[in-house]
Amino acid sequence: MGKAVLHDMLLTWLPRLAPGGTAYLVVQRNLGADSLHAWLGGTLGSRFATSRLASAKGFRVLAVHHHLTPPEESA
């Protein structure tokens, strides 16, 4: 699967997360986990937060959380 196909799939699926929901992605480090983390953070907008939860044996666990309200609205 190419990067463009993966991005399209994630942009279709992740916005469907219920507010307050979290998706967990396990991505191999040498297959672009760090660049995917950066891409998600820059693409999904303020309603989502992306963080790296763990890293072991060449894999990363990324969490994509859908905020109940955007951070700027909750202050």
C-alpha atoms as a PDB file:
ATOM      1  CA  MET A   1       0.000   0.000   0.000  1.00  0.00           C
ATOM      2  CA  GLY A   2       1.438   3.380  -0.943  1.00  0.00           C
ATOM      3  CA  LYS A   3       1.634   6.436   1.250  1.00  0.00           C
ATOM      4  CA  ALA A   4      -1.121   8.249  -0.718  1.00  0.00           C
ATOM      5  CA  VAL A   5      -3.502   5.306  -0.255  1.00  0.00           C
ATOM      6  CA  LEU A   6      -2.745   5.185   3.473  1.00  0.00           C
ATOM      7  CA  HIS A   7      -3.316   8.934   3.823  1.00  0.00           C
ATOM      8  CA  ASP A   8      -6.631   8.706   1.947  1.00  0.00           C
ATOM      9  CA  MET A   9      -7.747   5.823   4.154  1.00  0.00           C
ATOM     10  CA  LEU A  10      -6.830   7.660   7.361  1.00  0.00           C
ATOM     11  CA  LEU A  11      -8.524  10.889   6.192  1.00  0.00           C
ATOM     12  CA  THR A  12     -11.679   8.885   5.510  1.00  0.00           C
ATOM     13  CA  TRP A  13     -11.647   6.891   8.717  1.00  0.00           C
ATOM     14  CA  LEU A  14     -10.213   9.127  11.470  1.00  0.00           C
ATOM     15  CA  PRO A  15     -12.775  11.961  11.138  1.00  0.00           C
ATOM     16  CA  ARG A  16     -15.458   9.334  11.833  1.00  0.00           C
ATOM     17  CA  LEU A  17     -14.167   8.811  15.360  1.00  0.00           C
ATOM     18  CA  ALA A  18     -16.792   9.754  17.896  1.00  0.00           C
ATOM     19  CA  PRO A  19     -15.927  12.886  19.876  1.00  0.00           C
ATOM     20  CA  GLY A  20     -13.882  11.695  22.827  1.00  0.00           C
ATOM     21  CA  GLY A  21     -12.744   8.609  20.889  1.00  0.00           C
ATOM     22  CA  THR A  22      -9.184   7.486  20.279  1.00  0.00           C
ATOM     23  CA  ALA A  23      -7.667   5.435  17.468  1.00  0.00           C
ATOM     24  CA  TYR A  24      -4.456   3.516  18.094  1.00  0.00           C
ATOM     25  CA  LEU A  25      -2.101   2.968  15.159  1.00  0.00           C
ATOM     26  CA  VAL A  26       0.860   0.581  15.294  1.00  0.00           C
ATOM     27  CA  VAL A  27       3.400   1.574  12.655  1.00  0.00           C
ATOM     28  CA  GLN A  28       6.849   0.224  11.936  1.00  0.00           C
ATOM     29  CA  ARG A  29       9.463   2.897  12.556  1.00  0.00           C
ATOM     30  CA  ASN A  30      11.402   2.293   9.358  1.00  0.00           C
ATOM     31  CA  LEU A  31       8.183   2.437   7.315  1.00  0.00           C
ATOM     32  CA  GLY A  32       7.521   6.039   8.257  1.00  0.00           C
ATOM     33  CA  ALA A  33       6.000   6.077  11.728  1.00  0.00           C
ATOM     34  CA  ASP A  34       7.641   9.378  12.640  1.00  0.00           C
ATOM     35  CA  SER A  35       6.672  11.110   9.395  1.00  0.00           C
ATOM     36  CA  LEU A  36       3.117   9.749   9.728  1.00  0.00           C
ATOM     37  CA  HIS A  37       2.955  11.176  13.242  1.00  0.00           C
ATOM     38  CA  ALA A  38       4.000  14.606  11.928  1.00  0.00           C
ATOM     39  CA  TRP A  39       1.617  14.384   8.952  1.00  0.00           C
ATOM     40  CA  LEU A  40      -1.352  13.501  11.161  1.00  0.00           C
ATOM     41  CA  GLY A  41      -0.576  16.375  13.519  1.00  0.00           C
ATOM     42  CA  GLY A  42      -0.414  18.849  10.655  1.00  0.00           C
ATOM     43  CA  THR A  43      -3.375  17.541   8.689  1.00  0.00           C
ATOM     44  CA  LEU A  44      -6.239  16.651  11.002  1.00  0.00           C
ATOM     45  CA  GLY A  45      -6.822  20.065  12.564  1.00  0.00           C
ATOM     46  CA  SER A  46      -7.473  21.245  16.090  1.00  0.00           C
ATOM     47  CA  ARG A  47     -10.251  18.724  16.825  1.00  0.00           C
ATOM     48  CA  PHE A  48      -7.597  15.977  16.917  1.00  0.00           C
ATOM     49  CA  ALA A  49      -4.413  15.390  18.890  1.00  0.00           C
ATOM     50  CA  THR A  50      -1.770  12.874  17.865  1.00  0.00           C
ATOM     51  CA  SER A  51       0.755  11.473  20.323  1.00  0.00           C
ATOM     52  CA  ARG A  52       3.305   8.681  20.452  1.00  0.00           C
ATOM     53  CA  LEU A  53       2.422   6.357  23.312  1.00  0.00           C
ATOM     54  CA  ALA A  54       5.166   3.777  22.996  1.00  0.00           C
ATOM     55  CA  SER A  55       8.143   2.663  20.965  1.00  0.00           C
ATOM     56  CA  ALA A  56       9.610  -0.826  21.057  1.00  0.00           C
ATOM     57  CA  LYS A  57      11.332  -3.295  18.734  1.00  0.00           C
ATOM     58  CA  GLY A  58      11.109  -0.969  15.752  1.00  0.00           C
ATOM     59  CA  PHE A  59       7.425  -0.105  16.150  1.00  0.00           C
ATOM     60  CA  ARG A  60       5.611   2.996  17.308  1.00  0.00           C
ATOM     61  CA  VAL A  61       2.143   3.164  18.861  1.00  0.00           C
ATOM     62  CA  LEU A  62       0.424   6.391  17.843  1.00  0.00           C
ATOM     63  CA  ALA A  63      -2.808   7.616  19.423  1.00  0.00           C
ATOM     64  CA  VAL A  64      -5.137   9.935  17.535  1.00  0.00           C
ATOM     65  CA  HIS A  65      -7.677  11.477  19.910  1.00  0.00           C
ATOM     66  CA  HIS A  66     -10.826  13.295  18.768  1.00  0.00           C
ATOM     67  CA  HIS A  67     -11.466  16.107  21.248  1.00  0.00           C
ATOM     68  CA  LEU A  68     -14.983  16.706  22.505  1.00  0.00           C
ATOM     69  CA  THR A  69     -14.431  20.357  21.576  1.00  0.00           C
ATOM     70  CA  PRO A  70     -11.427  21.977  19.916  1.00  0.00           C
ATOM     71  CA  PRO A  71      -8.831  23.034  22.529  1.00  0.00           C
ATOM     72  CA  GLU A  72      -9.349  26.748  21.809  1.00  0.00           C
ATOM     73  CA  GLU A  73     -13.102  26.426  22.502  1.00  0.00           C
ATOM     74  CA  SER A  74     -12.671  24.639  25.823  1.00  0.00           C
ATOM     75  CA  ALA A  75     -10.635  27.415  27.482  1.00  0.00           C
END
